[in-house]
Amino acid sequence: KLHAHLSPMVGNVYAPDQQIRPTTQKDFPRLDEAAIISMLDLQPLTK
């Protein structure tokens, strides 16, 4: 439970099977800028 709470804060996710796996952010170097922006749900500033 402690790992599940804290591991996302240091770039990891503690999975239910008790394995450590990277977050999807680790895949960002293989994505183009538009895909990353979409994954982060960033939108042009209107507000």
All heavy atoms as atom14 arrays in JSON, in Angstrom:
{
  "sequence": "KLHAHLSPMVGNVYAPDQQIRPTTQKDFPRLDEAAIISMLDLQPLTK",
  "atom14_mask": [
    [1, 1, 1, 1, 1, 1, 1, 1, 1, 0, 0, 0, 0, 0],
    [1, 1, 1, 1, 1, 1, 1, 1, 0, 0, 0, 0, 0, 0],
    [1, 1, 1, 1, 1, 1, 1, 1, 1, 1, 0, 0, 0, 0],
    [1, 1, 1, 1, 1, 0, 0, 0, 0, 0, 0, 0, 0, 0],
    [1, 1, 1, 1, 1, 1, 1, 1, 1, 1, 0, 0, 0, 0],
    [1, 1, 1, 1, 1, 1, 1, 1, 0, 0, 0, 0, 0, 0],
    [1, 1, 1, 1, 1, 1, 0, 0, 0, 0, 0, 0, 0, 0],
    [1, 1, 1, 1, 1, 1, 1, 0, 0, 0, 0, 0, 0, 0],
    [1, 1, 1, 1, 1, 1, 1, 1, 0, 0, 0, 0, 0, 0],
    [1, 1, 1, 1, 1, 1, 1, 0, 0, 0, 0, 0, 0, 0],
    [1, 1, 1, 1, 0, 0, 0, 0, 0, 0, 0, 0, 0, 0],
    [1, 1, 1, 1, 1, 1, 1, 1, 0, 0, 0, 0, 0, 0],
    [1, 1, 1, 1, 1, 1, 1, 0, 0, 0, 0, 0, 0, 0],
    [1, 1, 1, 1, 1, 1, 1, 1, 1, 1, 1, 1, 0, 0],
    [1, 1, 1, 1, 1, 0, 0, 0, 0, 0, 0, 0, 0, 0],
    [1, 1, 1, 1, 1, 1, 1, 0, 0, 0, 0, 0, 0, 0],
    [1, 1, 1, 1, 1, 1, 1, 1, 0, 0, 0, 0, 0, 0],
    [1, 1, 1, 1, 1, 1, 1, 1, 1, 0, 0, 0, 0, 0],
    [1, 1, 1, 1, 1, 1, 1, 1, 1, 0, 0, 0, 0, 0],
    [1, 1, 1, 1, 1, 1, 1, 1, 0, 0, 0, 0, 0, 0],
    [1, 1, 1, 1, 1, 1, 1, 1, 1, 1, 1, 0, 0, 0],
    [1, 1, 1, 1, 1, 1, 1, 0, 0, 0, 0, 0, 0, 0],
    [1, 1, 1, 1, 1, 1, 1, 0, 0, 0, 0, 0, 0, 0],
    [1, 1, 1, 1, 1, 1, 1, 0, 0, 0, 0, 0, 0, 0],
    [1, 1, 1, 1, 1, 1, 1, 1, 1, 0, 0, 0, 0, 0],
    [1, 1, 1, 1, 1, 1, 1, 1, 1, 0, 0, 0, 0, 0],
    [1, 1, 1, 1, 1, 1, 1, 1, 0, 0, 0, 0, 0, 0],
    [1, 1, 1, 1, 1, 1, 1, 1, 1, 1, 1, 0, 0, 0],
    [1, 1, 1, 1, 1, 1, 1, 0, 0, 0, 0, 0, 0, 0],
    [1, 1, 1, 1, 1, 1, 1, 1, 1, 1, 1, 0, 0, 0],
    [1, 1, 1, 1, 1, 1, 1, 1, 0, 0, 0, 0, 0, 0],
    [1, 1, 1, 1, 1, 1, 1, 1, 0, 0, 0, 0, 0, 0],
    [1, 1, 1, 1, 1, 1, 1, 1, 1, 0, 0, 0, 0, 0],
    [1, 1, 1, 1, 1, 0, 0, 0, 0, 0, 0, 0, 0, 0],
    [1, 1, 1, 1, 1, 0, 0, 0, 0, 0, 0, 0, 0, 0],
    [1, 1, 1, 1, 1, 1, 1, 1, 0, 0, 0, 0, 0, 0],
    [1, 1, 1, 1, 1, 1, 1, 1, 0, 0, 0, 0, 0, 0],
    [1, 1, 1, 1, 1, 1, 0, 0, 0, 0, 0, 0, 0, 0],
    [1, 1, 1, 1, 1, 1, 1, 1, 0, 0, 0, 0, 0, 0],
    [1, 1, 1, 1, 1, 1, 1, 1, 0, 0, 0, 0, 0, 0],
    [1, 1, 1, 1, 1, 1, 1, 1, 0, 0, 0, 0, 0, 0],
    [1, 1, 1, 1, 1, 1, 1, 1, 0, 0, 0, 0, 0, 0],
    [1, 1, 1, 1, 1, 1, 1, 1, 1, 0, 0, 0, 0, 0],
    [1, 1, 1, 1, 1, 1, 1, 0, 0, 0, 0, 0, 0, 0],
    [1, 1, 1, 1, 1, 1, 1, 1, 0, 0, 0, 0, 0, 0],
    [1, 1, 1, 1, 1, 1, 1, 0, 0, 0, 0, 0, 0, 0],
    [1, 1, 1, 1, 1, 1, 1, 1, 1, 0, 0, 0, 0, 0]
  ],
  "atom14_positions": [
    [[0.82, -1.2, 0.0], [0.0, 0.0, 0.0], [0.87, 1.26, 0.0], [0.54, 2.25, -0.66], [-0.94, 0.0, 1.21], [-2.03, -1.06, 1.13], [-2.92, -1.03, 2.36], [-4.04, -2.06, 2.25], [-4.9, -2.06, 3.46], [0.0, 0.0, 0.0], [0.0, 0.0, 0.0], [0.0, 0.0, 0.0], [0.0, 0.0, 0.0], [0.0, 0.0, 0.0]],
    [[1.98, 1.23, 0.73], [2.86, 2.39, 0.75], [3.47, 2.64, -0.63], [3.51, 3.77, -1.11], [3.97, 2.2, 1.79], [4.93, 3.4, 1.91], [5.17, 3.75, 3.36], [6.25, 3.11, 1.24], [0.0, 0.0, 0.0], [0.0, 0.0, 0.0], [0.0, 0.0, 0.0], [0.0, 0.0, 0.0], [0.0, 0.0, 0.0], [0.0, 0.0, 0.0]],
    [[3.94, 1.56, -1.28], [4.5, 1.71, -2.64], [3.44, 2.21, -3.61], [3.72, 3.04, -4.48], [5.06, 0.38, -3.13], [6.38, 0.0, -2.52], [7.48, 0.82, -2.56], [6.77, -1.13, -1.84], [8.5, 0.22, -1.95], [8.09, -0.95, -1.51], [0.0, 0.0, 0.0], [0.0, 0.0, 0.0], [0.0, 0.0, 0.0], [0.0, 0.0, 0.0]],
    [[2.21, 1.7, -3.48], [1.14, 2.14, -4.38], [0.88, 3.63, -4.22], [0.56, 4.33, -5.19], [-0.13, 1.34, -4.1], [0.0, 0.0, 0.0], [0.0, 0.0, 0.0], [0.0, 0.0, 0.0], [0.0, 0.0, 0.0], [0.0, 0.0, 0.0], [0.0, 0.0, 0.0], [0.0, 0.0, 0.0], [0.0, 0.0, 0.0], [0.0, 0.0, 0.0]],
    [[1.04, 4.14, -3.0], [0.79, 5.56, -2.73], [1.94, 6.45, -3.19], [1.72, 7.52, -3.78], [0.56, 5.75, -1.23], [0.32, 7.16, -0.82], [-0.84, 7.84, -1.12], [1.1, 8.05, -0.13], [-0.78, 9.08, -0.65], [0.39, 9.23, -0.05], [0.0, 0.0, 0.0], [0.0, 0.0, 0.0], [0.0, 0.0, 0.0], [0.0, 0.0, 0.0]],
    [[3.18, 6.02, -2.95], [4.33, 6.89, -3.19], [5.02, 6.68, -4.53], [5.62, 7.62, -5.06], [5.37, 6.7, -2.06], [4.98, 7.2, -0.67], [6.12, 6.94, 0.31], [4.64, 8.68, -0.69], [0.0, 0.0, 0.0], [0.0, 0.0, 0.0], [0.0, 0.0, 0.0], [0.0, 0.0, 0.0], [0.0, 0.0, 0.0], [0.0, 0.0, 0.0]],
    [[4.97, 5.49, -5.09], [5.79, 5.23, -6.29], [5.42, 6.12, -7.48], [6.32, 6.5, -8.24], [5.73, 3.75, -6.68], [4.42, 3.36, -7.05], [0.0, 0.0, 0.0], [0.0, 0.0, 0.0], [0.0, 0.0, 0.0], [0.0, 0.0, 0.0], [0.0, 0.0, 0.0], [0.0, 0.0, 0.0], [0.0, 0.0, 0.0], [0.0, 0.0, 0.0]],
    [[4.14, 6.5, -7.7], [3.88, 7.41, -8.82], [4.59, 8.75, -8.7], [4.84, 9.42, -9.7], [2.35, 7.58, -8.78], [1.85, 6.35, -8.1], [2.89, 6.04, -7.07], [0.0, 0.0, 0.0], [0.0, 0.0, 0.0], [0.0, 0.0, 0.0], [0.0, 0.0, 0.0], [0.0, 0.0, 0.0], [0.0, 0.0, 0.0], [0.0, 0.0, 0.0]],
    [[4.93, 9.16, -7.48], [5.57, 10.45, -7.27], [7.04, 10.44, -7.68], [7.65, 11.5, -7.8], [5.45, 10.87, -5.8], [4.02, 10.97, -5.31], [3.93, 11.48, -3.58], [2.22, 11.07, -3.22], [0.0, 0.0, 0.0], [0.0, 0.0, 0.0], [0.0, 0.0, 0.0], [0.0, 0.0, 0.0], [0.0, 0.0, 0.0], [0.0, 0.0, 0.0]],
    [[7.61, 9.26, -7.88], [9.0, 9.17, -8.33], [9.1, 8.49, -9.69], [10.14, 7.97, -10.07], [9.9, 8.45, -7.29], [10.01, 9.26, -6.02], [9.37, 7.04, -6.98], [0.0, 0.0, 0.0], [0.0, 0.0, 0.0], [0.0, 0.0, 0.0], [0.0, 0.0, 0.0], [0.0, 0.0, 0.0], [0.0, 0.0, 0.0], [0.0, 0.0, 0.0]],
    [[7.97, 8.49, -10.44], [8.0, 8.02, -11.82], [7.79, 6.54, -12.02], [8.16, 5.99, -13.04], [0.0, 0.0, 0.0], [0.0, 0.0, 0.0], [0.0, 0.0, 0.0], [0.0, 0.0, 0.0], [0.0, 0.0, 0.0], [0.0, 0.0, 0.0], [0.0, 0.0, 0.0], [0.0, 0.0, 0.0], [0.0, 0.0, 0.0], [0.0, 0.0, 0.0]],
    [[7.18, 5.87, -11.04], [6.89, 4.45, -11.18], [5.46, 4.17, -10.73], [4.86, 4.96, -10.0], [7.84, 3.6, -10.33], [9.24, 3.56, -10.89], [9.55, 2.75, -11.73], [10.07, 4.48, -10.43], [0.0, 0.0, 0.0], [0.0, 0.0, 0.0], [0.0, 0.0, 0.0], [0.0, 0.0, 0.0], [0.0, 0.0, 0.0], [0.0, 0.0, 0.0]],
    [[4.96, 3.02, -11.16], [3.65, 2.57, -10.69], [3.82, 1.19, -10.1], [4.42, 0.31, -10.71], [2.63, 2.52, -11.85], [1.33, 1.9, -11.37], [2.38, 3.92, -12.39], [0.0, 0.0, 0.0], [0.0, 0.0, 0.0], [0.0, 0.0, 0.0], [0.0, 0.0, 0.0], [0.0, 0.0, 0.0], [0.0, 0.0, 0.0], [0.0, 0.0, 0.0]],
    [[3.3, 0.99, -8.88], [3.4, -0.3, -8.23], [2.16, -1.1, -8.61], [1.05, -0.79, -8.21], [3.48, -0.12, -6.72], [4.06, -1.32, -6.01], [5.43, -1.53, -6.01], [3.24, -2.23, -5.36], [5.98, -2.63, -5.37], [3.78, -3.32, -4.71], [5.15, -3.52, -4.71], [5.69, -4.6, -4.08], [0.0, 0.0, 0.0], [0.0, 0.0, 0.0]],
    [[2.35, -2.1, -9.45], [1.22, -2.84, -10.0], [0.68, -3.84, -8.97], [1.37, -4.23, -8.04], [1.67, -3.57, -11.27], [0.0, 0.0, 0.0], [0.0, 0.0, 0.0], [0.0, 0.0, 0.0], [0.0, 0.0, 0.0], [0.0, 0.0, 0.0], [0.0, 0.0, 0.0], [0.0, 0.0, 0.0], [0.0, 0.0, 0.0], [0.0, 0.0, 0.0]],
    [[-0.58, -4.3, -9.14], [-1.17, -5.24, -8.19], [-0.38, -6.53, -8.05], [-0.44, -7.18, -7.0], [-2.56, -5.51, -8.79], [-2.86, -4.29, -9.6], [-1.54, -3.83, -10.14], [0.0, 0.0, 0.0], [0.0, 0.0, 0.0], [0.0, 0.0, 0.0], [0.0, 0.0, 0.0], [0.0, 0.0, 0.0], [0.0, 0.0, 0.0], [0.0, 0.0, 0.0]],
    [[0.35, -6.94, -9.12], [1.13, -8.18, -9.02], [2.47, -7.95, -8.34], [3.33, -8.82, -8.33], [1.35, -8.8, -10.4], [2.12, -7.87, -11.34], [2.49, -6.77, -10.92], [2.35, -8.27, -12.5], [0.0, 0.0, 0.0], [0.0, 0.0, 0.0], [0.0, 0.0, 0.0], [0.0, 0.0, 0.0], [0.0, 0.0, 0.0], [0.0, 0.0, 0.0]],
    [[2.62, -6.75, -7.75], [3.8, -6.41, -6.96], [5.06, -6.31, -7.81], [6.16, -6.5, -7.33], [3.98, -7.41, -5.82], [2.77, -7.46, -4.89], [2.9, -8.52, -3.84], [3.97, -9.08, -3.63], [1.81, -8.82, -3.16], [0.0, 0.0, 0.0], [0.0, 0.0, 0.0], [0.0, 0.0, 0.0], [0.0, 0.0, 0.0], [0.0, 0.0, 0.0]],
    [[4.89, -6.02, -9.09], [6.03, -5.74, -9.95], [6.16, -4.23, -10.12], [5.18, -3.51, -10.03], [5.85, -6.39, -11.32], [5.78, -7.92, -11.26], [7.07, -8.54, -10.8], [8.13, -8.12, -11.23], [6.99, -9.53, -9.92], [0.0, 0.0, 0.0], [0.0, 0.0, 0.0], [0.0, 0.0, 0.0], [0.0, 0.0, 0.0], [0.0, 0.0, 0.0]],
    [[7.35, -3.76, -10.38], [7.56, -2.33, -10.64], [7.64, -2.13, -12.14], [8.44, -2.78, -12.82], [8.87, -1.85, -9.99], [8.87, -2.18, -8.5], [9.06, -0.36, -10.2], [7.77, -1.53, -7.71], [0.0, 0.0, 0.0], [0.0, 0.0, 0.0], [0.0, 0.0, 0.0], [0.0, 0.0, 0.0], [0.0, 0.0, 0.0], [0.0, 0.0, 0.0]],
    [[6.8, -1.26, -12.68], [6.86, -1.01, -14.12], [6.87, 0.5, -14.36], [6.35, 1.26, -13.55], [5.66, -1.63, -14.83], [4.31, -1.07, -14.38], [3.18, -1.69, -15.22], [1.88, -1.26, -14.74], [1.32, -0.09, -15.02], [1.97, 0.77, -15.76], [0.13, 0.21, -14.55], [0.0, 0.0, 0.0], [0.0, 0.0, 0.0], [0.0, 0.0, 0.0]],
    [[7.47, 0.95, -15.45], [7.51, 2.38, -15.74], [6.13, 2.91, -16.07], [5.25, 2.17, -16.5], [8.43, 2.48, -16.96], [9.15, 1.18, -17.0], [8.23, 0.16, -16.4], [0.0, 0.0, 0.0], [0.0, 0.0, 0.0], [0.0, 0.0, 0.0], [0.0, 0.0, 0.0], [0.0, 0.0, 0.0], [0.0, 0.0, 0.0], [0.0, 0.0, 0.0]],
    [[5.94, 4.19, -15.86], [4.71, 4.84, -16.28], [4.75, 5.05, -17.78], [5.76, 4.86, -18.43], [4.56, 6.21, -15.6], [5.59, 7.07, -16.1], [4.68, 6.12, -14.11], [0.0, 0.0, 0.0], [0.0, 0.0, 0.0], [0.0, 0.0, 0.0], [0.0, 0.0, 0.0], [0.0, 0.0, 0.0], [0.0, 0.0, 0.0], [0.0, 0.0, 0.0]],
    [[3.61, 5.48, -18.33], [3.54, 5.73, -19.76], [4.47, 6.87, -20.17], [4.84, 6.99, -21.32], [2.11, 6.07, -20.18], [1.63, 7.13, -19.36], [1.21, 4.88, -20.04], [0.0, 0.0, 0.0], [0.0, 0.0, 0.0], [0.0, 0.0, 0.0], [0.0, 0.0, 0.0], [0.0, 0.0, 0.0], [0.0, 0.0, 0.0], [0.0, 0.0, 0.0]],
    [[4.86, 7.73, -19.2], [5.78, 8.82, -19.53], [7.13, 8.29, -20.0], [7.83, 8.97, -20.74], [5.98, 9.73, -18.32], [4.75, 10.58, -18.02], [4.99, 11.46, -16.83], [5.47, 11.0, -15.8], [4.67, 12.72, -16.95], [0.0, 0.0, 0.0], [0.0, 0.0, 0.0], [0.0, 0.0, 0.0], [0.0, 0.0, 0.0], [0.0, 0.0, 0.0]],
    [[7.48, 7.08, -19.62], [8.74, 6.5, -20.08], [8.71, 6.28, -21.59], [9.76, 6.16, -22.23], [9.0, 5.16, -19.37], [9.13, 5.26, -17.85], [10.38, 5.99, -17.44], [10.55, 5.94, -15.92], [11.74, 6.65, -15.47], [0.0, 0.0, 0.0], [0.0, 0.0, 0.0], [0.0, 0.0, 0.0], [0.0, 0.0, 0.0], [0.0, 0.0, 0.0]],
    [[7.51, 6.2, -22.16], [7.39, 5.98, -23.6], [7.45, 7.28, -24.4], [7.49, 7.25, -25.63], [6.06, 5.27, -23.92], [5.98, 3.9, -23.3], [7.02, 3.23, -23.24], [4.88, 3.5, -22.87], [0.0, 0.0, 0.0], [0.0, 0.0, 0.0], [0.0, 0.0, 0.0], [0.0, 0.0, 0.0], [0.0, 0.0, 0.0], [0.0, 0.0, 0.0]],
    [[7.46, 8.42, -23.74], [7.39, 9.7, -24.43], [8.51, 9.91, -25.47], [8.25, 10.48, -26.52], [7.39, 10.86, -23.43], [6.05, 11.1, -22.8], [4.99, 10.23, -22.99], [5.84, 12.2, -21.99], [3.75, 10.45, -22.39], [4.6, 12.44, -21.4], [3.56, 11.55, -21.61], [0.0, 0.0, 0.0], [0.0, 0.0, 0.0], [0.0, 0.0, 0.0]],
    [[9.74, 9.46, -25.21], [10.79, 9.68, -26.23], [10.46, 9.06, -27.58], [11.01, 9.48, -28.6], [12.03, 9.04, -25.6], [11.79, 9.13, -24.14], [10.3, 8.9, -23.97], [0.0, 0.0, 0.0], [0.0, 0.0, 0.0], [0.0, 0.0, 0.0], [0.0, 0.0, 0.0], [0.0, 0.0, 0.0], [0.0, 0.0, 0.0], [0.0, 0.0, 0.0]],
    [[9.57, 8.07, -27.6], [9.23, 7.41, -28.87], [7.99, 8.01, -29.52], [7.54, 7.53, -30.56], [9.02, 5.9, -28.62], [10.28, 5.18, -28.18], [10.07, 3.69, -28.17], [9.17, 3.26, -27.12], [9.54, 2.98, -25.88], [10.81, 3.11, -25.53], [8.67, 2.58, -24.98], [0.0, 0.0, 0.0], [0.0, 0.0, 0.0], [0.0, 0.0, 0.0]],
    [[7.43, 9.06, -28.9], [6.22, 9.67, -29.42], [6.52, 11.05, -29.98], [7.48, 11.69, -29.58], [5.18, 9.79, -28.31], [4.73, 8.49, -27.62], [3.79, 8.82, -26.47], [4.07, 7.56, -28.61], [0.0, 0.0, 0.0], [0.0, 0.0, 0.0], [0.0, 0.0, 0.0], [0.0, 0.0, 0.0], [0.0, 0.0, 0.0], [0.0, 0.0, 0.0]],
    [[5.68, 11.5, -30.92], [5.86, 12.87, -31.4], [5.19, 13.83, -30.43], [4.44, 13.44, -29.54], [5.35, 13.03, -32.83], [3.85, 12.75, -32.97], [3.1, 12.98, -32.01], [3.45, 12.3, -34.05], [0.0, 0.0, 0.0], [0.0, 0.0, 0.0], [0.0, 0.0, 0.0], [0.0, 0.0, 0.0], [0.0, 0.0, 0.0], [0.0, 0.0, 0.0]],
    [[5.47, 15.12, -30.61], [4.98, 16.13, -29.67], [3.46, 16.14, -29.58], [2.89, 16.27, -28.5], [5.49, 17.52, -30.11], [5.32, 18.59, -29.06], [6.56, 18.79, -28.21], [7.21, 17.79, -27.85], [6.87, 19.93, -27.92], [0.0, 0.0, 0.0], [0.0, 0.0, 0.0], [0.0, 0.0, 0.0], [0.0, 0.0, 0.0], [0.0, 0.0, 0.0]],
    [[2.79, 15.99, -30.71], [1.33, 16.02, -30.72], [0.75, 14.87, -29.89], [-0.25, 15.04, -29.18], [0.8, 15.95, -32.16], [0.0, 0.0, 0.0], [0.0, 0.0, 0.0], [0.0, 0.0, 0.0], [0.0, 0.0, 0.0], [0.0, 0.0, 0.0], [0.0, 0.0, 0.0], [0.0, 0.0, 0.0], [0.0, 0.0, 0.0], [0.0, 0.0, 0.0]],
    [[1.38, 13.69, -29.96], [0.9, 12.54, -29.2], [1.07, 12.77, -27.7], [0.2, 12.41, -26.9], [1.63, 11.28, -29.64], [0.0, 0.0, 0.0], [0.0, 0.0, 0.0], [0.0, 0.0, 0.0], [0.0, 0.0, 0.0], [0.0, 0.0, 0.0], [0.0, 0.0, 0.0], [0.0, 0.0, 0.0], [0.0, 0.0, 0.0], [0.0, 0.0, 0.0]],
    [[2.2, 13.36, -27.31], [2.44, 13.63, -25.9], [1.42, 14.65, -25.37], [0.84, 14.47, -24.3], [3.87, 14.15, -25.68], [4.89, 13.07, -26.06], [4.08, 14.59, -24.23], [6.33, 13.55, -26.04], [0.0, 0.0, 0.0], [0.0, 0.0, 0.0], [0.0, 0.0, 0.0], [0.0, 0.0, 0.0], [0.0, 0.0, 0.0], [0.0, 0.0, 0.0]],
    [[1.19, 15.7, -26.14], [0.22, 16.71, -25.74], [-1.17, 16.09, -25.58], [-1.91, 16.4, -24.65], [0.2, 17.86, -26.78], [1.49, 18.66, -26.68], [-1.01, 18.77, -26.57], [1.67, 19.69, -27.77], [0.0, 0.0, 0.0], [0.0, 0.0, 0.0], [0.0, 0.0, 0.0], [0.0, 0.0, 0.0], [0.0, 0.0, 0.0], [0.0, 0.0, 0.0]],
    [[-1.51, 15.18, -26.48], [-2.8, 14.5, -26.41], [-2.89, 13.63, -25.15], [-3.91, 13.6, -24.46], [-3.02, 13.66, -27.66], [-4.22, 12.91, -27.57], [0.0, 0.0, 0.0], [0.0, 0.0, 0.0], [0.0, 0.0, 0.0], [0.0, 0.0, 0.0], [0.0, 0.0, 0.0], [0.0, 0.0, 0.0], [0.0, 0.0, 0.0], [0.0, 0.0, 0.0]],
    [[-1.81, 12.9, -24.84], [-1.8, 12.03, -23.67], [-1.93, 12.84, -22.39], [-2.56, 12.4, -21.42], [-0.52, 11.19, -23.65], [-0.47, 10.13, -24.73], [1.05, 9.14, -24.64], [0.76, 8.24, -23.12], [0.0, 0.0, 0.0], [0.0, 0.0, 0.0], [0.0, 0.0, 0.0], [0.0, 0.0, 0.0], [0.0, 0.0, 0.0], [0.0, 0.0, 0.0]],
    [[-1.31, 14.01, -22.36], [-1.4, 14.87, -21.18], [-2.68, 15.69, -21.15], [-2.94, 16.39, -20.17], [-0.2, 15.81, -21.13], [1.17, 15.16, -20.89], [2.29, 16.19, -20.99], [1.22, 14.46, -19.53], [0.0, 0.0, 0.0], [0.0, 0.0, 0.0], [0.0, 0.0, 0.0], [0.0, 0.0, 0.0], [0.0, 0.0, 0.0], [0.0, 0.0, 0.0]],
    [[-3.47, 15.58, -22.21], [-4.76, 16.29, -22.32], [-4.58, 17.8, -22.25], [-5.36, 18.51, -21.61], [-5.72, 15.82, -21.22], [-7.18, 16.04, -21.59], [-7.44, 16.4, -22.76], [-8.05, 15.88, -20.71], [0.0, 0.0, 0.0], [0.0, 0.0, 0.0], [0.0, 0.0, 0.0], [0.0, 0.0, 0.0], [0.0, 0.0, 0.0], [0.0, 0.0, 0.0]],
    [[-3.55, 18.3, -22.93], [-3.3, 19.75, -22.97], [-4.05, 20.36, -24.16], [-4.02, 19.81, -25.25], [-1.8, 20.02, -23.09], [-0.92, 19.48, -21.96], [0.54, 19.81, -22.24], [-1.35, 20.07, -20.62], [0.0, 0.0, 0.0], [0.0, 0.0, 0.0], [0.0, 0.0, 0.0], [0.0, 0.0, 0.0], [0.0, 0.0, 0.0], [0.0, 0.0, 0.0]],
    [[-4.69, 21.49, -23.92], [-5.49, 22.15, -24.93], [-5.0, 23.58, -25.12], [-4.43, 24.18, -24.21], [-6.96, 22.17, -24.51], [-7.54, 20.79, -24.23], [-8.95, 20.86, -23.67], [-9.46, 21.95, -23.36], [-9.59, 19.72, -23.52], [0.0, 0.0, 0.0], [0.0, 0.0, 0.0], [0.0, 0.0, 0.0], [0.0, 0.0, 0.0], [0.0, 0.0, 0.0]],
    [[-5.24, 24.16, -26.31], [-4.87, 25.57, -26.51], [-5.54, 26.47, -25.46], [-6.68, 26.22, -25.05], [-5.39, 25.86, -27.92], [-5.45, 24.52, -28.59], [-5.81, 23.55, -27.51], [0.0, 0.0, 0.0], [0.0, 0.0, 0.0], [0.0, 0.0, 0.0], [0.0, 0.0, 0.0], [0.0, 0.0, 0.0], [0.0, 0.0, 0.0], [0.0, 0.0, 0.0]],
    [[-4.83, 27.5, -25.06], [-5.33, 28.39, -24.01], [-6.45, 29.29, -24.56], [-6.23, 30.09, -25.46], [-4.18, 29.26, -23.48], [-4.56, 30.24, -22.38], [-4.92, 29.5, -21.1], [-3.41, 31.23, -22.12], [0.0, 0.0, 0.0], [0.0, 0.0, 0.0], [0.0, 0.0, 0.0], [0.0, 0.0, 0.0], [0.0, 0.0, 0.0], [0.0, 0.0, 0.0]],
    [[-7.64, 29.14, -24.0], [-8.75, 30.04, -24.31], [-9.31, 30.68, -23.04], [-9.87, 31.77, -23.08], [-9.89, 29.28, -25.03], [-10.36, 28.21, -24.2], [-9.39, 28.72, -26.36], [0.0, 0.0, 0.0], [0.0, 0.0, 0.0], [0.0, 0.0, 0.0], [0.0, 0.0, 0.0], [0.0, 0.0, 0.0], [0.0, 0.0, 0.0], [0.0, 0.0, 0.0]],
    [[-9.16, 29.99, -21.89], [-9.64, 30.51, -20.61], [-8.48, 31.22, -19.91], [-7.54, 30.59, -19.46], [-10.15, 29.36, -19.73], [-11.19, 28.47, -20.39], [-12.52, 29.17, -20.53], [-13.6, 28.21, -21.03], [-14.89, 28.86, -21.21], [0.0, 0.0, 0.0], [0.0, 0.0, 0.0], [0.0, 0.0, 0.0], [0.0, 0.0, 0.0], [0.0, 0.0, 0.0]]
  ]
}
